[in-house]
Structure formats: structure tokens, C-alpha cells
Amino acid sequence: MKNEELHISSLIVHINPKKSSIIESSINLLEGAELVTISPQGKAVVVLEAPNQRVIMEIIEHINELQGVINTGLVYHEFEQIDAEISEGVK
């Protein structure tokens, strides 16, 4: 039985409000990323889900490279061990 991990993180992404629609589309196209909301002032809440911390960091780096992103701040990070057989539906 192999144990796998599930990492969940949340971010506040400060963006240029004029670029909000393109940034929202770009983030939502990233596997494991979901932009939940954007305030009129340009603060976006993003949730990430990935199999390890390295992937979380790669997604954050990609978000930081988007045109119109000013700053990204990690707010929350948690990981859990998952039984691989259960996650694959095998009993």
C-alpha cells in the first residue's frame, strides 16, 4: 500500500483590476487552480490542490509570471496522507 499526499493551499493574489478577466481565465486554466473571487480593488482569492509542495510552488510561480499580477501571498497550506488504494477506488 502506497501513501500519497494531497496538498491544499490558498493565496491572495494582488492584480491590476483592469486585467482581471484575463488573469481569471489564465488561473482557471491551470490544473489544480481555481480563482474563487476578485474584489474591485484587485485582490483575488485562489485555491490550489496538488499532489506535492513542488507542484504548488510551480503553480504559484506561473501565477506570478502572468501579466497584471502584482504580488502573490500564501495564506494557507495543508497536506494530508492519502491511502493510494482508496484514492483509486480499490478495496
PDB file of N, CA and C in Angstrom:
ATOM      1  N   MET A   1       0.853  -1.182   0.000  1.00  0.00           N
ATOM      2  CA  MET A   1       0.000   0.000   0.000  1.00  0.00           C
ATOM      3  C   MET A   1       0.894   1.240   0.000  1.00  0.00           C
ATOM      4  N   LYS A   2       0.693   2.112  -0.974  1.00  0.00           N
ATOM      5  CA  LYS A   2       1.498   3.326  -1.120  1.00  0.00           C
ATOM      6  C   LYS A   2       0.708   4.525  -0.603  1.00  0.00           C
ATOM      7  N   ASN A   3       1.372   5.353   0.195  1.00  0.00           N
ATOM      8  CA  ASN A   3       0.738   6.578   0.669  1.00  0.00           C
ATOM      9  C   ASN A   3       1.074   7.726  -0.262  1.00  0.00           C
ATOM     10  N   GLU A   4       0.087   8.483  -0.632  1.00  0.00           N
ATOM     11  CA  GLU A   4       0.267   9.673  -1.444  1.00  0.00           C
ATOM     12  C   GLU A   4      -0.163  10.878  -0.617  1.00  0.00           C
ATOM     13  N   GLU A   5       0.171  12.050  -1.106  1.00  0.00           N
ATOM     14  CA  GLU A   5      -0.181  13.280  -0.398  1.00  0.00           C
ATOM     15  C   GLU A   5      -1.137  14.117  -1.241  1.00  0.00           C
ATOM     16  N   LEU A   6      -1.933  14.890  -0.545  1.00  0.00           N
ATOM     17  CA  LEU A   6      -2.783  15.898  -1.168  1.00  0.00           C
ATOM     18  C   LEU A   6      -2.458  17.215  -0.492  1.00  0.00           C
ATOM     19  N   HIS A   7      -1.976  18.177  -1.265  1.00  0.00           N
ATOM     20  CA  HIS A   7      -1.632  19.500  -0.744  1.00  0.00           C
ATOM     21  C   HIS A   7      -2.707  20.490  -1.174  1.00  0.00           C
ATOM     22  N   ILE A   8      -3.157  21.287  -0.222  1.00  0.00           N
ATOM     23  CA  ILE A   8      -4.158  22.320  -0.484  1.00  0.00           C
ATOM     24  C   ILE A   8      -3.606  23.635   0.030  1.00  0.00           C
ATOM     25  N   SER A   9      -3.660  24.655  -0.822  1.00  0.00           N
ATOM     26  CA  SER A   9      -3.166  25.981  -0.454  1.00  0.00           C
ATOM     27  C   SER A   9      -4.160  27.037  -0.890  1.00  0.00           C
ATOM     28  N   SER A  10      -4.127  28.161  -0.179  1.00  0.00           N
ATOM     29  CA  SER A  10      -4.908  29.320  -0.626  1.00  0.00           C
ATOM     30  C   SER A  10      -3.973  30.513  -0.715  1.00  0.00           C
ATOM     31  N   LEU A  11      -4.286  31.380  -1.666  1.00  0.00           N
ATOM     32  CA  LEU A  11      -3.450  32.542  -1.944  1.00  0.00           C
ATOM     33  C   LEU A  11      -4.305  33.792  -2.031  1.00  0.00           C
ATOM     34  N   ILE A  12      -3.704  34.914  -1.715  1.00  0.00           N
ATOM     35  CA  ILE A  12      -4.248  36.215  -2.092  1.00  0.00           C
ATOM     36  C   ILE A  12      -3.334  36.721  -3.194  1.00  0.00           C
ATOM     37  N   VAL A  13      -3.921  37.003  -4.352  1.00  0.00           N
ATOM     38  CA  VAL A  13      -3.156  37.476  -5.493  1.00  0.00           C
ATOM     39  C   VAL A  13      -3.590  38.911  -5.777  1.00  0.00           C
ATOM     40  N   HIS A  14      -2.661  39.843  -5.627  1.00  0.00           N
ATOM     41  CA  HIS A  14      -2.936  41.248  -5.928  1.00  0.00           C
ATOM     42  C   HIS A  14      -2.721  41.456  -7.419  1.00  0.00           C
ATOM     43  N   ILE A  15      -3.756  41.972  -8.074  1.00  0.00           N
ATOM     44  CA  ILE A  15      -3.702  42.122  -9.526  1.00  0.00           C
ATOM     45  C   ILE A  15      -4.107  43.531  -9.942  1.00  0.00           C
ATOM     46  N   ASN A  16      -3.777  43.853 -11.177  1.00  0.00           N
ATOM     47  CA  ASN A  16      -4.275  45.077 -11.795  1.00  0.00           C
ATOM     48  C   ASN A  16      -5.739  44.813 -12.155  1.00  0.00           C
ATOM     49  N   PRO A  17      -6.690  45.540 -11.544  1.00  0.00           N
ATOM     50  CA  PRO A  17      -8.109  45.270 -11.801  1.00  0.00           C
ATOM     51  C   PRO A  17      -8.492  45.354 -13.277  1.00  0.00           C
ATOM     52  N   LYS A  18      -7.760  46.118 -14.061  1.00  0.00           N
ATOM     53  CA  LYS A  18      -8.054  46.222 -15.494  1.00  0.00           C
ATOM     54  C   LYS A  18      -7.757  44.923 -16.238  1.00  0.00           C
ATOM     55  N   LYS A  19      -6.960  44.054 -15.639  1.00  0.00           N
ATOM     56  CA  LYS A  19      -6.585  42.788 -16.267  1.00  0.00           C
ATOM     57  C   LYS A  19      -7.301  41.600 -15.614  1.00  0.00           C
ATOM     58  N   SER A  20      -8.311  41.862 -14.807  1.00  0.00           N
ATOM     59  CA  SER A  20      -8.924  40.802 -14.004  1.00  0.00           C
ATOM     60  C   SER A  20      -9.518  39.663 -14.832  1.00  0.00           C
ATOM     61  N   SER A  21     -10.159  39.964 -15.945  1.00  0.00           N
ATOM     62  CA  SER A  21     -10.802  38.876 -16.704  1.00  0.00           C
ATOM     63  C   SER A  21      -9.773  37.945 -17.341  1.00  0.00           C
ATOM     64  N   ILE A  22      -8.696  38.487 -17.883  1.00  0.00           N
ATOM     65  CA  ILE A  22      -7.678  37.634 -18.494  1.00  0.00           C
ATOM     66  C   ILE A  22      -6.913  36.855 -17.428  1.00  0.00           C
ATOM     67  N   ILE A  23      -6.676  37.463 -16.279  1.00  0.00           N
ATOM     68  CA  ILE A  23      -5.991  36.766 -15.187  1.00  0.00           C
ATOM     69  C   ILE A  23      -6.879  35.646 -14.654  1.00  0.00           C
ATOM     70  N   GLU A  24      -8.162  35.924 -14.489  1.00  0.00           N
ATOM     71  CA  GLU A  24      -9.084  34.891 -14.011  1.00  0.00           C
ATOM     72  C   GLU A  24      -9.094  33.697 -14.966  1.00  0.00           C
ATOM     73  N   SER A  25      -9.204  33.954 -16.245  1.00  0.00           N
ATOM     74  CA  SER A  25      -9.199  32.877 -17.234  1.00  0.00           C
ATOM     75  C   SER A  25      -7.894  32.092 -17.192  1.00  0.00           C
ATOM     76  N   SER A  26      -6.780  32.802 -17.112  1.00  0.00           N
ATOM     77  CA  SER A  26      -5.470  32.147 -17.111  1.00  0.00           C
ATOM     78  C   SER A  26      -5.278  31.261 -15.887  1.00  0.00           C
ATOM     79  N   ILE A  27      -5.678  31.743 -14.720  1.00  0.00           N
ATOM     80  CA  ILE A  27      -5.538  30.952 -13.491  1.00  0.00           C
ATOM     81  C   ILE A  27      -6.442  29.728 -13.536  1.00  0.00           C
ATOM     82  N   ASN A  28      -7.677  29.912 -13.968  1.00  0.00           N
ATOM     83  CA  ASN A  28      -8.608  28.785 -14.003  1.00  0.00           C
ATOM     84  C   ASN A  28      -8.228  27.726 -15.025  1.00  0.00           C
ATOM     85  N   LEU A  29      -7.364  28.065 -15.981  1.00  0.00           N
ATOM     86  CA  LEU A  29      -6.876  27.072 -16.935  1.00  0.00           C
ATOM     87  C   LEU A  29      -5.749  26.205 -16.363  1.00  0.00           C
ATOM     88  N   LEU A  30      -5.150  26.657 -15.259  1.00  0.00           N
ATOM     89  CA  LEU A  30      -4.071  25.891 -14.631  1.00  0.00           C
ATOM     90  C   LEU A  30      -4.651  24.688 -13.904  1.00  0.00           C
ATOM     91  N   GLU A  31      -4.084  23.513 -14.140  1.00  0.00           N
ATOM     92  CA  GLU A  31      -4.564  22.310 -13.469  1.00  0.00           C
ATOM     93  C   GLU A  31      -4.353  22.432 -11.959  1.00  0.00           C
ATOM     94  N   GLY A  32      -5.425  22.237 -11.194  1.00  0.00           N
ATOM     95  CA  GLY A  32      -5.350  22.296  -9.744  1.00  0.00           C
ATOM     96  C   GLY A  32      -5.558  23.677  -9.158  1.00  0.00           C
ATOM     97  N   ALA A  33      -5.831  24.677 -10.003  1.00  0.00           N
ATOM     98  CA  ALA A  33      -6.016  26.047  -9.522  1.00  0.00           C
ATOM     99  C   ALA A  33      -7.442  26.509  -9.788  1.00  0.00           C
ATOM    100  N   GLU A  34      -7.972  27.263  -8.843  1.00  0.00           N
ATOM    101  CA  GLU A  34      -9.301  27.853  -9.018  1.00  0.00           C
ATOM    102  C   GLU A  34      -9.302  29.255  -8.419  1.00  0.00           C
ATOM    103  N   LEU A  35      -9.636  30.234  -9.236  1.00  0.00           N
ATOM    104  CA  LEU A  35      -9.802  31.595  -8.746  1.00  0.00           C
ATOM    105  C   LEU A  35     -11.223  31.695  -8.222  1.00  0.00           C
ATOM    106  N   VAL A  36     -11.361  31.963  -6.934  1.00  0.00           N
ATOM    107  CA  VAL A  36     -12.667  31.956  -6.275  1.00  0.00           C
ATOM    108  C   VAL A  36     -13.377  33.283  -6.439  1.00  0.00           C
ATOM    109  N   THR A  37     -12.664  34.382  -6.227  1.00  0.00           N
ATOM    110  CA  THR A  37     -13.274  35.707  -6.323  1.00  0.00           C
ATOM    111  C   THR A  37     -12.207  36.769  -6.523  1.00  0.00           C
ATOM    112  N   ILE A  38     -12.631  37.906  -7.078  1.00  0.00           N
ATOM    113  CA  ILE A  38     -11.761  39.080  -7.214  1.00  0.00           C
ATOM    114  C   ILE A  38     -12.523  40.287  -6.697  1.00  0.00           C
ATOM    115  N   SER A  39     -11.894  41.042  -5.798  1.00  0.00           N
ATOM    116  CA  SER A  39     -12.515  42.265  -5.307  1.00  0.00           C
ATOM    117  C   SER A  39     -12.329  43.381  -6.330  1.00  0.00           C
ATOM    118  N   PRO A  40     -13.144  44.434  -6.267  1.00  0.00           N
ATOM    119  CA  PRO A  40     -12.975  45.561  -7.190  1.00  0.00           C
ATOM    120  C   PRO A  40     -11.602  46.235  -7.055  1.00  0.00           C
ATOM    121  N   GLN A  41     -10.960  46.064  -5.896  1.00  0.00           N
ATOM    122  CA  GLN A  41      -9.642  46.663  -5.666  1.00  0.00           C
ATOM    123  C   GLN A  41      -8.507  45.809  -6.234  1.00  0.00           C
ATOM    124  N   GLY A  42      -8.831  44.601  -6.739  1.00  0.00           N
ATOM    125  CA  GLY A  42      -7.813  43.767  -7.350  1.00  0.00           C
ATOM    126  C   GLY A  42      -7.195  42.725  -6.435  1.00  0.00           C
ATOM    127  N   LYS A  43      -7.931  42.277  -5.436  1.00  0.00           N
ATOM    128  CA  LYS A  43      -7.457  41.191  -4.579  1.00  0.00           C
ATOM    129  C   LYS A  43      -8.227  39.931  -4.952  1.00  0.00           C
ATOM    130  N   ALA A  44      -7.493  38.919  -5.400  1.00  0.00           N
ATOM    131  CA  ALA A  44      -8.105  37.667  -5.828  1.00  0.00           C
ATOM    132  C   ALA A  44      -7.790  36.568  -4.817  1.00  0.00           C
ATOM    133  N   VAL A  45      -8.778  35.721  -4.564  1.00  0.00           N
ATOM    134  CA  VAL A  45      -8.587  34.554  -3.717  1.00  0.00           C
ATOM    135  C   VAL A  45      -8.474  33.347  -4.639  1.00  0.00           C
ATOM    136  N   VAL A  46      -7.376  32.604  -4.478  1.00  0.00           N
ATOM    137  CA  VAL A  46      -7.103  31.445  -5.324  1.00  0.00           C
ATOM    138  C   VAL A  46      -6.877  30.231  -4.430  1.00  0.00           C
ATOM    139  N   VAL A  47      -7.452  29.102  -4.824  1.00  0.00           N
ATOM    140  CA  VAL A  47      -7.262  27.839  -4.117  1.00  0.00           C
ATOM    141  C   VAL A  47      -6.500  26.891  -5.036  1.00  0.00           C
ATOM    142  N   LEU A  48      -5.490  26.219  -4.470  1.00  0.00           N
ATOM    143  CA  LEU A  48      -4.669  25.276  -5.228  1.00  0.00           C
ATOM    144  C   LEU A  48      -4.769  23.888  -4.599  1.00  0.00           C
ATOM    145  N   GLU A  49      -4.756  22.878  -5.438  1.00  0.00           N
ATOM    146  CA  GLU A  49      -4.765  21.486  -4.991  1.00  0.00           C
ATOM    147  C   GLU A  49      -3.755  20.730  -5.841  1.00  0.00           C
ATOM    148  N   ALA A  50      -2.811  20.026  -5.186  1.00  0.00           N
ATOM    149  CA  ALA A  50      -1.746  19.355  -5.927  1.00  0.00           C
ATOM    150  C   ALA A  50      -1.234  18.143  -5.142  1.00  0.00           C
ATOM    151  N   PRO A  51      -0.506  17.248  -5.822  1.00  0.00           N
ATOM    152  CA  PRO A  51      -0.006  16.046  -5.159  1.00  0.00           C
ATOM    153  C   PRO A  51       1.230  16.276  -4.289  1.00  0.00           C
ATOM    154  N   ASN A  52       1.888  17.429  -4.447  1.00  0.00           N
ATOM    155  CA  ASN A  52       3.056  17.709  -3.599  1.00  0.00           C
ATOM    156  C   ASN A  52       3.346  19.207  -3.582  1.00  0.00           C
ATOM    157  N   GLN A  53       4.237  19.586  -2.673  1.00  0.00           N
ATOM    158  CA  GLN A  53       4.556  21.006  -2.482  1.00  0.00           C
ATOM    159  C   GLN A  53       5.263  21.597  -3.699  1.00  0.00           C
ATOM    160  N   ARG A  54       6.059  20.798  -4.383  1.00  0.00           N
ATOM    161  CA  ARG A  54       6.769  21.286  -5.576  1.00  0.00           C
ATOM    162  C   ARG A  54       5.789  21.778  -6.627  1.00  0.00           C
ATOM    163  N   VAL A  55       4.708  21.045  -6.841  1.00  0.00           N
ATOM    164  CA  VAL A  55       3.702  21.441  -7.824  1.00  0.00           C
ATOM    165  C   VAL A  55       3.004  22.725  -7.377  1.00  0.00           C
ATOM    166  N   ILE A  56       2.720  22.848  -6.092  1.00  0.00           N
ATOM    167  CA  ILE A  56       2.129  24.083  -5.562  1.00  0.00           C
ATOM    168  C   ILE A  56       3.031  25.268  -5.895  1.00  0.00           C
ATOM    169  N   MET A  57       4.329  25.122  -5.649  1.00  0.00           N
ATOM    170  CA  MET A  57       5.268  26.212  -5.913  1.00  0.00           C
ATOM    171  C   MET A  57       5.355  26.532  -7.406  1.00  0.00           C
ATOM    172  N   GLU A  58       5.272  25.517  -8.248  1.00  0.00           N
ATOM    173  CA  GLU A  58       5.299  25.754  -9.694  1.00  0.00           C
ATOM    174  C   GLU A  58       4.063  26.534 -10.152  1.00  0.00           C
ATOM    175  N   ILE A  59       2.912  26.211  -9.589  1.00  0.00           N
ATOM    176  CA  ILE A  59       1.683  26.942  -9.936  1.00  0.00           C
ATOM    177  C   ILE A  59       1.797  28.396  -9.475  1.00  0.00           C
ATOM    178  N   ILE A  60       2.310  28.606  -8.269  1.00  0.00           N
ATOM    179  CA  ILE A  60       2.474  29.966  -7.755  1.00  0.00           C
ATOM    180  C   ILE A  60       3.434  30.758  -8.655  1.00  0.00           C
ATOM    181  N   GLU A  61       4.523  30.134  -9.062  1.00  0.00           N
ATOM    182  CA  GLU A  61       5.466  30.808  -9.962  1.00  0.00           C
ATOM    183  C   GLU A  61       4.793  31.181 -11.281  1.00  0.00           C
ATOM    184  N   HIS A  62       3.981  30.278 -11.809  1.00  0.00           N
ATOM    185  CA  HIS A  62       3.280  30.558 -13.061  1.00  0.00           C
ATOM    186  C   HIS A  62       2.306  31.730 -12.886  1.00  0.00           C
ATOM    187  N   ILE A  63       1.583  31.755 -11.766  1.00  0.00           N
ATOM    188  CA  ILE A  63       0.660  32.865 -11.494  1.00  0.00           C
ATOM    189  C   ILE A  63       1.436  34.178 -11.405  1.00  0.00           C
ATOM    190  N   ASN A  64       2.576  34.170 -10.726  1.00  0.00           N
ATOM    191  CA  ASN A  64       3.392  35.384 -10.586  1.00  0.00           C
ATOM    192  C   ASN A  64       3.875  35.919 -11.928  1.00  0.00           C
ATOM    193  N   GLU A  65       4.020  35.042 -12.918  1.00  0.00           N
ATOM    194  CA  GLU A  65       4.507  35.456 -14.237  1.00  0.00           C
ATOM    195  C   GLU A  65       3.405  36.037 -15.122  1.00  0.00           C
ATOM    196  N   LEU A  66       2.144  35.914 -14.722  1.00  0.00           N
ATOM    197  CA  LEU A  66       1.048  36.441 -15.536  1.00  0.00           C
ATOM    198  C   LEU A  66       1.092  37.965 -15.579  1.00  0.00           C
ATOM    199  N   GLN A  67       0.881  38.518 -16.758  1.00  0.00           N
ATOM    200  CA  GLN A  67       0.867  39.970 -16.912  1.00  0.00           C
ATOM    201  C   GLN A  67      -0.318  40.536 -16.132  1.00  0.00           C
ATOM    202  N   GLY A  68      -0.043  41.506 -15.271  1.00  0.00           N
ATOM    203  CA  GLY A  68      -1.076  42.125 -14.450  1.00  0.00           C
ATOM    204  C   GLY A  68      -1.077  41.643 -13.015  1.00  0.00           C
ATOM    205  N   VAL A  69      -0.302  40.592 -12.716  1.00  0.00           N
ATOM    206  CA  VAL A  69      -0.167  40.127 -11.331  1.00  0.00           C
ATOM    207  C   VAL A  69       0.905  40.965 -10.656  1.00  0.00           C
ATOM    208  N   ILE A  70       0.550  41.550  -9.524  1.00  0.00           N
ATOM    209  CA  ILE A  70       1.476  42.421  -8.795  1.00  0.00           C
ATOM    210  C   ILE A  70       2.222  41.643  -7.727  1.00  0.00           C
ATOM    211  N   ASN A  71       1.493  40.809  -6.970  1.00  0.00           N
ATOM    212  CA  ASN A  71       2.075  40.101  -5.842  1.00  0.00           C
ATOM    213  C   ASN A  71       1.200  38.904  -5.505  1.00  0.00           C
ATOM    214  N   THR A  72       1.827  37.848  -5.022  1.00  0.00           N
ATOM    215  CA  THR A  72       1.098  36.662  -4.576  1.00  0.00           C
ATOM    216  C   THR A  72       1.521  36.341  -3.159  1.00  0.00           C
ATOM    217  N   GLY A  73       0.544  36.144  -2.286  1.00  0.00           N
ATOM    218  CA  GLY A  73       0.837  35.807  -0.901  1.00  0.00           C
ATOM    219  C   GLY A  73       0.165  34.503  -0.503  1.00  0.00           C
ATOM    220  N   LEU A  74       0.963  33.568   0.025  1.00  0.00           N
ATOM    221  CA  LEU A  74       0.432  32.304   0.511  1.00  0.00           C
ATOM    222  C   LEU A  74      -0.256  32.551   1.852  1.00  0.00           C
ATOM    223  N   VAL A  75      -1.514  32.169   1.947  1.00  0.00           N
ATOM    224  CA  VAL A  75      -2.282  32.386   3.170  1.00  0.00           C
ATOM    225  C   VAL A  75      -2.380  31.105   3.983  1.00  0.00           C
ATOM    226  N   TYR A  76      -2.527  29.978   3.295  1.00  0.00           N
ATOM    227  CA  TYR A  76      -2.792  28.713   3.975  1.00  0.00           C
ATOM    228  C   TYR A  76      -2.184  27.578   3.177  1.00  0.00           C
ATOM    229  N   HIS A  77      -1.622  26.598   3.882  1.00  0.00           N
ATOM    230  CA  HIS A  77      -1.118  25.393   3.226  1.00  0.00           C
ATOM    231  C   HIS A  77      -1.292  24.222   4.183  1.00  0.00           C
ATOM    232  N   GLU A  78      -1.852  23.137   3.664  1.00  0.00           N
ATOM    233  CA  GLU A  78      -2.049  21.929   4.458  1.00  0.00           C
ATOM    234  C   GLU A  78      -1.830  20.741   3.544  1.00  0.00           C
ATOM    235  N   PHE A  79      -1.366  19.638   4.118  1.00  0.00           N
ATOM    236  CA  PHE A  79      -1.303  18.416   3.325  1.00  0.00           C
ATOM    237  C   PHE A  79      -1.754  17.245   4.178  1.00  0.00           C
ATOM    238  N   GLU A  80      -2.275  16.250   3.496  1.00  0.00           N
ATOM    239  CA  GLU A  80      -2.746  15.034   4.149  1.00  0.00           C
ATOM    240  C   GLU A  80      -2.198  13.834   3.412  1.00  0.00           C
ATOM    241  N   GLN A  81      -1.974  12.765   4.158  1.00  0.00           N
ATOM    242  CA  GLN A  81      -1.589  11.498   3.559  1.00  0.00           C
ATOM    243  C   GLN A  81      -2.853  10.799   3.067  1.00  0.00           C
ATOM    244  N   ILE A  82      -2.791  10.263   1.857  1.00  0.00           N
ATOM    245  CA  ILE A  82      -3.932   9.566   1.277  1.00  0.00           C
ATOM    246  C   ILE A  82      -3.509   8.144   0.961  1.00  0.00           C
ATOM    247  N   ASP A  83      -4.320   7.193   1.340  1.00  0.00           N
ATOM    248  CA  ASP A  83      -4.082   5.806   1.004  1.00  0.00           C
ATOM    249  C   ASP A  83      -4.331   5.656  -0.499  1.00  0.00           C
ATOM    250  N   ALA A  84      -3.308   5.309  -1.267  1.00  0.00           N
ATOM    251  CA  ALA A  84      -3.412   5.251  -2.730  1.00  0.00           C
ATOM    252  C   ALA A  84      -4.479   4.278  -3.193  1.00  0.00           C
ATOM    253  N   GLU A  85      -4.652   3.152  -2.503  1.00  0.00           N
ATOM    254  CA  GLU A  85      -5.661   2.180  -2.919  1.00  0.00           C
ATOM    255  C   GLU A  85      -7.053   2.734  -2.772  1.00  0.00           C
ATOM    256  N   ILE A  86      -7.277   3.491  -1.704  1.00  0.00           N
ATOM    257  CA  ILE A  86      -8.606   4.107  -1.509  1.00  0.00           C
ATOM    258  C   ILE A  86      -8.836   5.200  -2.534  1.00  0.00           C
ATOM    259  N   SER A  87      -7.798   6.031  -2.796  1.00  0.00           N
ATOM    260  CA  SER A  87      -7.963   7.128  -3.743  1.00  0.00           C
ATOM    261  C   SER A  87      -8.219   6.618  -5.162  1.00  0.00           C
ATOM    262  N   GLU A  88      -7.779   5.409  -5.472  1.00  0.00           N
ATOM    263  CA  GLU A  88      -8.016   4.830  -6.790  1.00  0.00           C
ATOM    264  C   GLU A  88      -9.298   4.005  -6.835  1.00  0.00           C
ATOM    265  N   GLY A  89      -9.990   3.900  -5.712  1.00  0.00           N
ATOM    266  CA  GLY A  89     -11.239   3.162  -5.664  1.00  0.00           C
ATOM    267  C   GLY A  89     -11.065   1.662  -5.532  1.00  0.00           C
ATOM    268  N   VAL A  90      -9.865   1.189  -5.163  1.00  0.00           N
ATOM    269  CA  VAL A  90      -9.608  -0.241  -4.985  1.00  0.00           C
ATOM    270  C   VAL A  90      -9.716  -0.565  -3.505  1.00  0.00           C
ATOM    271  N   LYS A  91     -10.426  -1.635  -3.202  1.00  0.00           N
ATOM    272  CA  LYS A  91     -10.562  -2.038  -1.794  1.00  0.00           C
ATOM    273  C   LYS A  91      -9.885  -3.347  -1.540  1.00  0.00           C
TER     274      LYS A  91
END
